[in-house]
Amino acid sequence: LLINGTVSKIEKDNFVVFHVVGDNKNLTKFYWVSTIESNLDLPKEYNGLVNKKVNISYYTTEIFDAKINDYKNLNIISSLKTD
């Protein structure tokens, strides 16, 4: 799956979560949980991505969330590029 949009917020909890407003104006959360193909040095540069346009390739997977004691879908980033 692919989305083009603007990073509106970066959340750091157990994982880094990018909040992206897509071209369709919908807000979607994307999770950084493993190695990401990128044209950036993400560990050093990801904090500077707020208000920047990004192209994200991702897949959706179901995880068990102990906080809600149920399964939920997460969007996992496989690649993140800037223009």
N, C-alpha and C. Protein backbone atom coordinates (compact mmCIF):
# COMPACT_ATOMS: atom_id res chain seq x y z
N LEU A 1 0.85 -1.18 0.00
CA LEU A 1 0.00 0.00 0.00
C LEU A 1 0.89 1.24 0.00
N LEU A 2 0.36 2.34 -0.50
CA LEU A 2 1.16 3.56 -0.67
C LEU A 2 0.33 4.77 -0.29
N ILE A 3 0.97 5.73 0.39
CA ILE A 3 0.31 6.99 0.71
C ILE A 3 1.29 8.13 0.52
N ASN A 4 0.79 9.23 -0.01
CA ASN A 4 1.54 10.49 -0.08
C ASN A 4 0.84 11.44 0.86
N GLY A 5 1.63 12.15 1.68
CA GLY A 5 1.01 13.07 2.60
C GLY A 5 2.03 13.89 3.36
N THR A 6 1.55 14.59 4.38
CA THR A 6 2.38 15.47 5.19
C THR A 6 2.38 14.97 6.63
N VAL A 7 3.57 14.88 7.21
CA VAL A 7 3.69 14.45 8.60
C VAL A 7 3.16 15.58 9.50
N SER A 8 2.13 15.29 10.29
CA SER A 8 1.57 16.32 11.17
C SER A 8 2.11 16.21 12.59
N LYS A 9 2.56 15.02 12.96
CA LYS A 9 3.03 14.80 14.33
C LYS A 9 3.86 13.53 14.36
N ILE A 10 4.83 13.48 15.28
CA ILE A 10 5.62 12.26 15.50
C ILE A 10 5.51 11.92 16.98
N GLU A 11 5.01 10.72 17.24
CA GLU A 11 4.79 10.26 18.60
C GLU A 11 5.88 9.25 18.94
N LYS A 12 6.46 9.35 20.13
CA LYS A 12 7.47 8.39 20.55
C LYS A 12 6.99 7.72 21.82
N ASP A 13 6.60 6.46 21.68
CA ASP A 13 6.17 5.70 22.84
C ASP A 13 6.98 4.41 22.83
N ASN A 14 6.36 3.28 22.63
CA ASN A 14 7.13 2.05 22.45
C ASN A 14 7.77 2.03 21.07
N PHE A 15 7.08 2.63 20.12
CA PHE A 15 7.57 2.74 18.74
C PHE A 15 7.46 4.20 18.32
N VAL A 16 8.12 4.52 17.21
CA VAL A 16 7.92 5.84 16.62
C VAL A 16 6.67 5.73 15.74
N VAL A 17 5.76 6.67 15.93
CA VAL A 17 4.50 6.67 15.16
C VAL A 17 4.41 7.99 14.40
N PHE A 18 4.31 7.89 13.08
CA PHE A 18 4.15 9.07 12.23
C PHE A 18 2.66 9.29 11.99
N HIS A 19 2.18 10.49 12.30
CA HIS A 19 0.79 10.87 12.00
C HIS A 19 0.86 11.61 10.66
N VAL A 20 0.23 11.05 9.64
CA VAL A 20 0.33 11.59 8.29
C VAL A 20 -1.06 11.99 7.78
N VAL A 21 -1.16 13.22 7.30
CA VAL A 21 -2.38 13.68 6.65
C VAL A 21 -2.18 13.46 5.15
N GLY A 22 -2.96 12.55 4.59
CA GLY A 22 -2.82 12.19 3.19
C GLY A 22 -3.40 13.24 2.26
N ASP A 23 -3.17 13.03 0.98
CA ASP A 23 -3.73 13.92 -0.04
C ASP A 23 -5.26 13.97 0.05
N ASN A 24 -5.86 12.91 0.61
CA ASN A 24 -7.32 12.86 0.78
C ASN A 24 -7.77 13.56 2.07
N LYS A 25 -6.83 14.20 2.79
CA LYS A 25 -7.09 14.95 4.03
C LYS A 25 -7.41 14.08 5.23
N ASN A 26 -7.28 12.74 5.09
CA ASN A 26 -7.50 11.84 6.23
C ASN A 26 -6.20 11.69 7.02
N LEU A 27 -6.31 11.62 8.34
CA LEU A 27 -5.16 11.40 9.21
C LEU A 27 -5.01 9.91 9.45
N THR A 28 -3.79 9.39 9.24
CA THR A 28 -3.50 7.98 9.46
C THR A 28 -2.22 7.86 10.25
N LYS A 29 -2.16 6.87 11.14
CA LYS A 29 -0.94 6.61 11.92
C LYS A 29 -0.15 5.49 11.26
N PHE A 30 1.17 5.69 11.19
CA PHE A 30 2.08 4.69 10.63
C PHE A 30 3.17 4.38 11.64
N TYR A 31 3.42 3.09 11.85
CA TYR A 31 4.34 2.63 12.89
C TYR A 31 5.68 2.22 12.31
N TRP A 32 6.76 2.68 12.96
CA TRP A 32 8.12 2.30 12.59
C TRP A 32 8.54 1.21 13.57
N VAL A 33 8.52 -0.05 13.12
CA VAL A 33 8.82 -1.16 14.02
C VAL A 33 10.03 -1.98 13.56
N SER A 34 10.47 -1.78 12.33
CA SER A 34 11.62 -2.52 11.83
C SER A 34 12.35 -1.64 10.81
N THR A 35 13.36 -2.21 10.16
CA THR A 35 14.16 -1.45 9.21
C THR A 35 13.28 -0.89 8.10
N ILE A 36 13.51 0.40 7.77
CA ILE A 36 12.74 1.08 6.73
C ILE A 36 13.68 1.48 5.61
N GLU A 37 13.29 1.16 4.39
CA GLU A 37 14.02 1.64 3.22
C GLU A 37 13.73 3.14 3.09
N SER A 38 14.80 3.96 2.98
CA SER A 38 14.59 5.40 2.96
C SER A 38 15.74 6.11 2.27
N ASN A 39 15.46 7.33 1.77
CA ASN A 39 16.51 8.17 1.22
C ASN A 39 17.10 9.08 2.31
N LEU A 40 16.69 8.86 3.56
CA LEU A 40 17.19 9.63 4.71
C LEU A 40 17.92 8.70 5.66
N ASP A 41 18.71 9.28 6.56
CA ASP A 41 19.25 8.53 7.68
C ASP A 41 18.21 8.68 8.79
N LEU A 42 17.19 7.82 8.74
CA LEU A 42 16.01 8.02 9.60
C LEU A 42 16.31 8.15 11.09
N PRO A 43 17.17 7.29 11.67
CA PRO A 43 17.41 7.46 13.11
C PRO A 43 17.91 8.85 13.48
N LYS A 44 18.62 9.51 12.58
CA LYS A 44 19.13 10.86 12.85
C LYS A 44 18.16 11.95 12.41
N GLU A 45 17.38 11.71 11.35
CA GLU A 45 16.62 12.78 10.71
C GLU A 45 15.11 12.75 10.91
N TYR A 46 14.57 11.68 11.50
CA TYR A 46 13.10 11.56 11.52
C TYR A 46 12.41 12.67 12.29
N ASN A 47 13.07 13.22 13.33
CA ASN A 47 12.43 14.30 14.11
C ASN A 47 12.17 15.54 13.27
N GLY A 48 12.92 15.73 12.19
CA GLY A 48 12.75 16.90 11.34
C GLY A 48 11.68 16.74 10.28
N LEU A 49 10.92 15.65 10.30
CA LEU A 49 9.95 15.39 9.24
C LEU A 49 8.57 16.04 9.47
N VAL A 50 8.35 16.65 10.64
CA VAL A 50 7.06 17.29 10.89
C VAL A 50 6.85 18.41 9.87
N ASN A 51 5.67 18.45 9.28
CA ASN A 51 5.27 19.40 8.23
C ASN A 51 5.98 19.16 6.89
N LYS A 52 6.62 18.01 6.72
CA LYS A 52 7.27 17.67 5.45
C LYS A 52 6.41 16.68 4.68
N LYS A 53 6.49 16.75 3.35
CA LYS A 53 5.79 15.79 2.48
C LYS A 53 6.58 14.49 2.46
N VAL A 54 5.88 13.37 2.58
CA VAL A 54 6.52 12.06 2.54
C VAL A 54 5.71 11.11 1.65
N ASN A 55 6.40 10.10 1.15
CA ASN A 55 5.78 9.00 0.42
C ASN A 55 6.08 7.75 1.25
N ILE A 56 5.03 7.08 1.70
CA ILE A 56 5.19 5.92 2.57
C ILE A 56 4.60 4.69 1.90
N SER A 57 5.41 3.63 1.86
CA SER A 57 4.91 2.30 1.51
C SER A 57 4.70 1.57 2.83
N TYR A 58 3.59 0.87 2.94
CA TYR A 58 3.28 0.21 4.21
C TYR A 58 2.43 -1.03 3.99
N TYR A 59 2.33 -1.82 5.05
CA TYR A 59 1.41 -2.95 5.04
C TYR A 59 0.66 -2.92 6.36
N THR A 60 -0.47 -3.56 6.39
CA THR A 60 -1.30 -3.61 7.59
C THR A 60 -1.16 -4.98 8.23
N THR A 61 -0.97 -5.01 9.54
CA THR A 61 -0.90 -6.28 10.26
C THR A 61 -1.73 -6.18 11.53
N GLU A 62 -2.18 -7.34 12.00
CA GLU A 62 -3.00 -7.38 13.19
C GLU A 62 -2.12 -7.74 14.38
N ILE A 63 -2.19 -6.95 15.45
CA ILE A 63 -1.43 -7.25 16.67
C ILE A 63 -2.40 -7.36 17.83
N PHE A 64 -1.96 -8.04 18.89
CA PHE A 64 -2.75 -8.11 20.11
C PHE A 64 -2.30 -6.97 21.01
N ASP A 65 -3.24 -6.11 21.39
CA ASP A 65 -2.96 -4.96 22.24
C ASP A 65 -3.44 -5.28 23.66
N ALA A 66 -2.48 -5.44 24.58
CA ALA A 66 -2.82 -5.81 25.95
C ALA A 66 -3.62 -4.72 26.65
N LYS A 67 -3.43 -3.45 26.24
CA LYS A 67 -4.16 -2.35 26.89
C LYS A 67 -5.67 -2.48 26.69
N ILE A 68 -6.07 -2.92 25.49
CA ILE A 68 -7.50 -3.06 25.21
C ILE A 68 -7.95 -4.52 25.25
N ASN A 69 -6.99 -5.43 25.48
CA ASN A 69 -7.25 -6.87 25.55
C ASN A 69 -7.96 -7.38 24.29
N ASP A 70 -7.48 -6.90 23.14
CA ASP A 70 -8.09 -7.30 21.87
C ASP A 70 -7.08 -7.06 20.75
N TYR A 71 -7.42 -7.54 19.55
CA TYR A 71 -6.59 -7.32 18.39
C TYR A 71 -6.90 -5.99 17.73
N LYS A 72 -5.89 -5.38 17.12
CA LYS A 72 -6.12 -4.17 16.33
C LYS A 72 -5.15 -4.16 15.15
N ASN A 73 -5.53 -3.43 14.11
CA ASN A 73 -4.69 -3.34 12.91
C ASN A 73 -3.72 -2.18 13.04
N LEU A 74 -2.48 -2.42 12.64
CA LEU A 74 -1.46 -1.37 12.61
C LEU A 74 -0.93 -1.23 11.19
N ASN A 75 -0.62 0.01 10.80
CA ASN A 75 0.03 0.27 9.52
C ASN A 75 1.53 0.32 9.77
N ILE A 76 2.25 -0.65 9.22
CA ILE A 76 3.69 -0.79 9.44
C ILE A 76 4.42 -0.25 8.22
N ILE A 77 5.36 0.69 8.47
CA ILE A 77 6.11 1.32 7.36
C ILE A 77 7.16 0.36 6.82
N SER A 78 7.20 0.20 5.49
CA SER A 78 8.29 -0.54 4.87
C SER A 78 9.25 0.38 4.14
N SER A 79 8.75 1.53 3.65
CA SER A 79 9.66 2.51 3.07
C SER A 79 9.09 3.91 3.27
N LEU A 80 9.99 4.87 3.47
CA LEU A 80 9.60 6.26 3.68
C LEU A 80 10.58 7.12 2.91
N LYS A 81 10.05 7.92 1.99
CA LYS A 81 10.90 8.78 1.17
C LYS A 81 10.37 10.21 1.19
N THR A 82 11.27 11.17 1.02
CA THR A 82 10.88 12.56 0.90
C THR A 82 11.11 12.98 -0.54
N ASP A 83 10.47 14.05 -0.97
CA ASP A 83 10.61 14.52 -2.36
C ASP A 83 11.97 15.15 -2.60
